[in-house]
Amino acid sequence: MSDPNRPYDADYGEQPPPAYPPPAQAPGTPVQPVGQQPQAPVQPVTTGTENPRLGLEVGRYWAGALATMLVAALIGLAASFILEEVLNLEIQPQADLLATGSDTMAWVVAGALFALLAAVVLYLLVLSTPRPRSFFGWVVALATVILAMVPFAGQADIVPAVLAAVVWIVIGSAVYSLLTGTLSRTVVQRATA
């Protein structure tokens, strides 16, 4: 009995076609399905000079940066509300940069501005440095440590200063993880000439 999946059985009296090895391809090259025309790769809109090997999908990057700003602002809001209103703990107030008159809003603004500055720094590092993620990690870590130590300057009470430091560590960790995640989804490799 012949196998219907093998049309070149000896029962049919035909010889199978000769086996040709597939043409050599570079590792990682996708195989083009039979019967389809090859398509030119779509190049995303990028920015920056042509010298660096990395670029960014600008729109998606800044959308991710805005979402990171929202998360950082909400961390400041949640921390201030939970610590002061729910747990009745005092947290060291932040500088009120926009003169809102509220300690809670000062934390919201501080978190959002930290995320915005981090996004700008990462953007510039991608366009100018050979290992932007490594440099960005150091910049965010050092900035977070500095901001976490500021509440301890002067004659501050220890508990509010510790709580403020913890909030800054949470904000810094969130900003780093969200922006590096955004970077991994929006960075593109430039073609070299």
Protein backbone atom coordinates (compact mmCIF):
# COMPACT_ATOMS: atom_id res chain seq x y z
CA MET A 1 0.00 0.00 0.00
CA SER A 2 1.38 3.41 -0.90
CA ASP A 3 1.52 6.44 1.33
CA PRO A 4 -0.61 9.35 -0.03
CA ASN A 5 1.89 11.81 1.44
CA ARG A 6 4.68 10.35 -0.65
CA PRO A 7 3.70 10.68 -4.31
CA TYR A 8 6.97 9.21 -5.53
CA ASP A 9 6.53 5.68 -4.24
CA ALA A 10 8.16 2.87 -6.09
CA ASP A 11 4.62 1.74 -6.99
CA TYR A 12 4.26 4.66 -9.33
CA GLY A 13 7.37 3.77 -11.23
CA GLU A 14 8.91 7.19 -10.94
CA GLN A 15 12.13 8.22 -9.37
CA PRO A 16 12.00 10.91 -6.69
CA PRO A 17 13.39 14.29 -7.72
CA PRO A 18 17.04 14.79 -6.85
CA ALA A 19 17.63 16.39 -3.48
CA TYR A 20 19.36 19.72 -3.78
CA PRO A 21 20.75 21.34 -0.66
CA PRO A 22 19.18 24.71 0.08
CA PRO A 23 21.30 27.72 -0.81
CA ALA A 24 23.60 28.88 1.95
CA GLN A 25 22.09 31.56 4.15
CA ALA A 26 23.57 33.66 6.88
CA PRO A 27 22.57 32.52 10.37
CA GLY A 28 19.46 34.28 11.57
CA THR A 29 18.21 35.06 8.06
CA PRO A 30 14.50 34.37 7.82
CA VAL A 31 13.47 31.82 5.21
CA GLN A 32 11.18 33.19 2.49
CA PRO A 33 8.05 31.05 2.12
CA VAL A 34 7.65 29.38 -1.28
CA GLY A 35 5.52 31.32 -3.73
CA GLN A 36 5.85 34.71 -2.03
CA GLN A 37 7.82 37.63 -3.28
CA PRO A 38 10.48 38.97 -0.91
CA GLN A 39 9.43 42.20 0.76
CA ALA A 40 11.70 45.08 1.50
CA PRO A 41 12.07 45.65 5.24
CA VAL A 42 10.07 48.57 6.55
CA GLN A 43 12.27 51.21 8.13
CA PRO A 44 10.72 53.01 11.12
CA VAL A 45 10.93 56.76 11.48
CA THR A 46 14.11 57.45 13.40
CA THR A 47 16.03 60.47 14.50
CA GLY A 48 19.63 61.40 15.13
CA THR A 49 22.77 61.44 13.10
CA GLU A 50 23.77 58.60 10.83
CA ASN A 51 27.07 58.03 12.63
CA PRO A 52 25.73 56.08 15.63
CA ARG A 53 24.68 52.54 14.96
CA LEU A 54 21.53 52.87 17.09
CA GLY A 55 18.44 54.95 16.53
CA LEU A 56 14.99 55.16 18.06
CA GLU A 57 11.45 54.89 16.82
CA VAL A 58 10.75 58.39 18.00
CA GLY A 59 6.96 58.33 18.40
CA ARG A 60 6.85 55.05 20.28
CA TYR A 61 9.79 56.04 22.49
CA TRP A 62 8.18 59.30 23.64
CA ALA A 63 4.84 57.57 24.15
CA GLY A 64 6.64 55.16 26.48
CA ALA A 65 8.37 58.09 28.17
CA LEU A 66 5.03 59.82 28.80
CA ALA A 67 3.60 56.61 30.24
CA THR A 68 6.67 56.38 32.51
CA MET A 69 6.07 59.96 33.67
CA LEU A 70 2.48 59.02 34.52
CA VAL A 71 3.61 55.99 36.52
CA ALA A 72 6.26 57.98 38.42
CA ALA A 73 3.73 60.71 39.22
CA LEU A 74 1.25 58.11 40.45
CA ILE A 75 3.91 56.51 42.65
CA GLY A 76 4.48 59.90 44.27
CA LEU A 77 0.73 60.39 44.70
CA ALA A 78 0.16 56.90 46.10
CA ALA A 79 3.11 57.10 48.46
CA SER A 80 2.10 60.47 49.84
CA PHE A 81 -1.55 59.50 50.22
CA ILE A 82 -0.94 56.07 51.74
CA LEU A 83 1.77 57.17 54.14
CA GLU A 84 0.13 60.39 55.35
CA GLU A 85 -3.60 59.80 55.04
CA VAL A 86 -3.93 56.05 55.59
CA LEU A 87 -1.03 55.19 57.89
CA ASN A 88 -0.79 58.63 59.59
CA LEU A 89 2.96 58.76 59.03
CA GLU A 90 4.78 61.94 58.17
CA ILE A 91 6.91 61.97 55.02
CA GLN A 92 9.58 64.53 54.27
CA PRO A 93 8.00 67.01 51.83
CA GLN A 94 9.55 67.67 48.45
CA ALA A 95 10.40 71.08 47.06
CA ASP A 96 7.19 72.50 45.57
CA LEU A 97 8.60 73.34 42.13
CA LEU A 98 5.27 74.41 40.62
CA ALA A 99 4.01 76.24 43.76
CA THR A 100 0.98 73.98 44.14
CA GLY A 101 0.82 74.48 47.89
CA SER A 102 0.34 70.76 48.51
CA ASP A 103 2.88 68.22 49.71
CA THR A 104 1.08 65.50 47.75
CA MET A 105 1.21 67.48 44.50
CA ALA A 106 4.88 68.25 45.15
CA TRP A 107 5.56 64.49 45.16
CA VAL A 108 3.53 64.05 41.96
CA VAL A 109 5.50 66.79 40.20
CA ALA A 110 8.83 65.49 41.52
CA GLY A 111 8.15 61.97 40.22
CA ALA A 112 7.01 63.19 36.81
CA LEU A 113 9.99 65.53 36.39
CA PHE A 114 12.43 62.80 37.40
CA ALA A 115 10.95 60.49 34.75
CA LEU A 116 11.02 63.24 32.11
CA LEU A 117 14.66 64.08 32.79
CA ALA A 118 15.57 60.39 32.74
CA ALA A 119 13.81 59.96 29.37
CA VAL A 120 15.72 62.92 27.90
CA VAL A 121 19.02 61.55 29.23
CA LEU A 122 18.34 58.09 27.78
CA TYR A 123 17.35 59.61 24.44
CA LEU A 124 20.62 61.55 24.26
CA LEU A 125 22.66 58.53 25.36
CA VAL A 126 21.19 56.36 22.60
CA LEU A 127 22.15 58.95 20.00
CA SER A 128 25.65 59.54 21.31
CA THR A 129 27.15 56.68 23.33
CA PRO A 130 28.22 53.13 22.47
CA ARG A 131 26.45 51.42 25.42
CA PRO A 132 23.49 53.63 26.31
CA ARG A 133 21.76 51.16 28.65
CA SER A 134 24.86 50.80 30.86
CA PHE A 135 25.43 54.53 31.11
CA PHE A 136 21.74 55.11 31.76
CA GLY A 137 21.73 52.57 34.57
CA TRP A 138 24.57 54.38 36.29
CA VAL A 139 23.01 57.81 35.81
CA VAL A 140 19.64 56.72 37.23
CA ALA A 141 21.22 54.81 40.11
CA LEU A 142 23.40 57.74 41.15
CA ALA A 143 20.58 60.27 40.77
CA THR A 144 18.29 58.05 42.85
CA VAL A 145 20.90 57.68 45.59
CA ILE A 146 21.42 61.45 45.70
CA LEU A 147 17.68 62.18 45.84
CA ALA A 148 17.21 59.50 48.50
CA MET A 149 19.94 61.08 50.66
CA VAL A 150 18.70 64.68 50.36
CA PRO A 151 16.04 64.25 53.10
CA PHE A 152 18.79 63.37 55.58
CA ALA A 153 20.57 66.70 55.06
CA GLY A 154 20.16 69.17 57.90
CA GLN A 155 18.17 68.53 61.05
CA ALA A 156 15.49 66.25 59.59
CA ASP A 157 13.52 63.74 61.63
CA ILE A 158 14.67 60.22 60.88
CA VAL A 159 11.32 58.53 60.12
CA PRO A 160 10.07 61.09 57.55
CA ALA A 161 13.53 61.10 55.93
CA VAL A 162 13.61 57.30 55.68
CA LEU A 163 10.12 57.23 54.15
CA ALA A 164 11.11 59.87 51.58
CA ALA A 165 14.24 57.89 50.72
CA VAL A 166 12.19 54.73 50.21
CA VAL A 167 9.78 56.60 47.91
CA TRP A 168 12.71 57.88 45.84
CA ILE A 169 14.15 54.38 45.55
CA VAL A 170 10.79 53.07 44.32
CA ILE A 171 10.44 55.93 41.82
CA GLY A 172 14.02 55.44 40.56
CA SER A 173 13.55 51.69 40.17
CA ALA A 174 10.28 52.14 38.29
CA VAL A 175 11.71 54.78 35.97
CA TYR A 176 14.76 52.65 35.17
CA SER A 177 12.79 49.48 34.47
CA LEU A 178 10.08 51.19 32.41
CA LEU A 179 12.44 53.29 30.29
CA THR A 180 14.85 50.43 29.58
CA GLY A 181 11.84 48.30 28.63
CA THR A 182 10.70 51.07 26.31
CA LEU A 183 14.20 51.30 24.88
CA SER A 184 14.34 47.58 24.11
CA ARG A 185 11.09 47.88 22.10
CA THR A 186 11.96 51.09 20.24
CA VAL A 187 15.69 50.93 19.50
CA VAL A 188 16.61 50.13 15.90
CA GLN A 189 19.91 49.12 14.37
CA ARG A 190 21.06 51.47 11.64
CA ALA A 191 22.43 50.06 8.44
CA THR A 192 26.15 50.68 8.05
CA ALA A 193 27.38 52.03 4.77
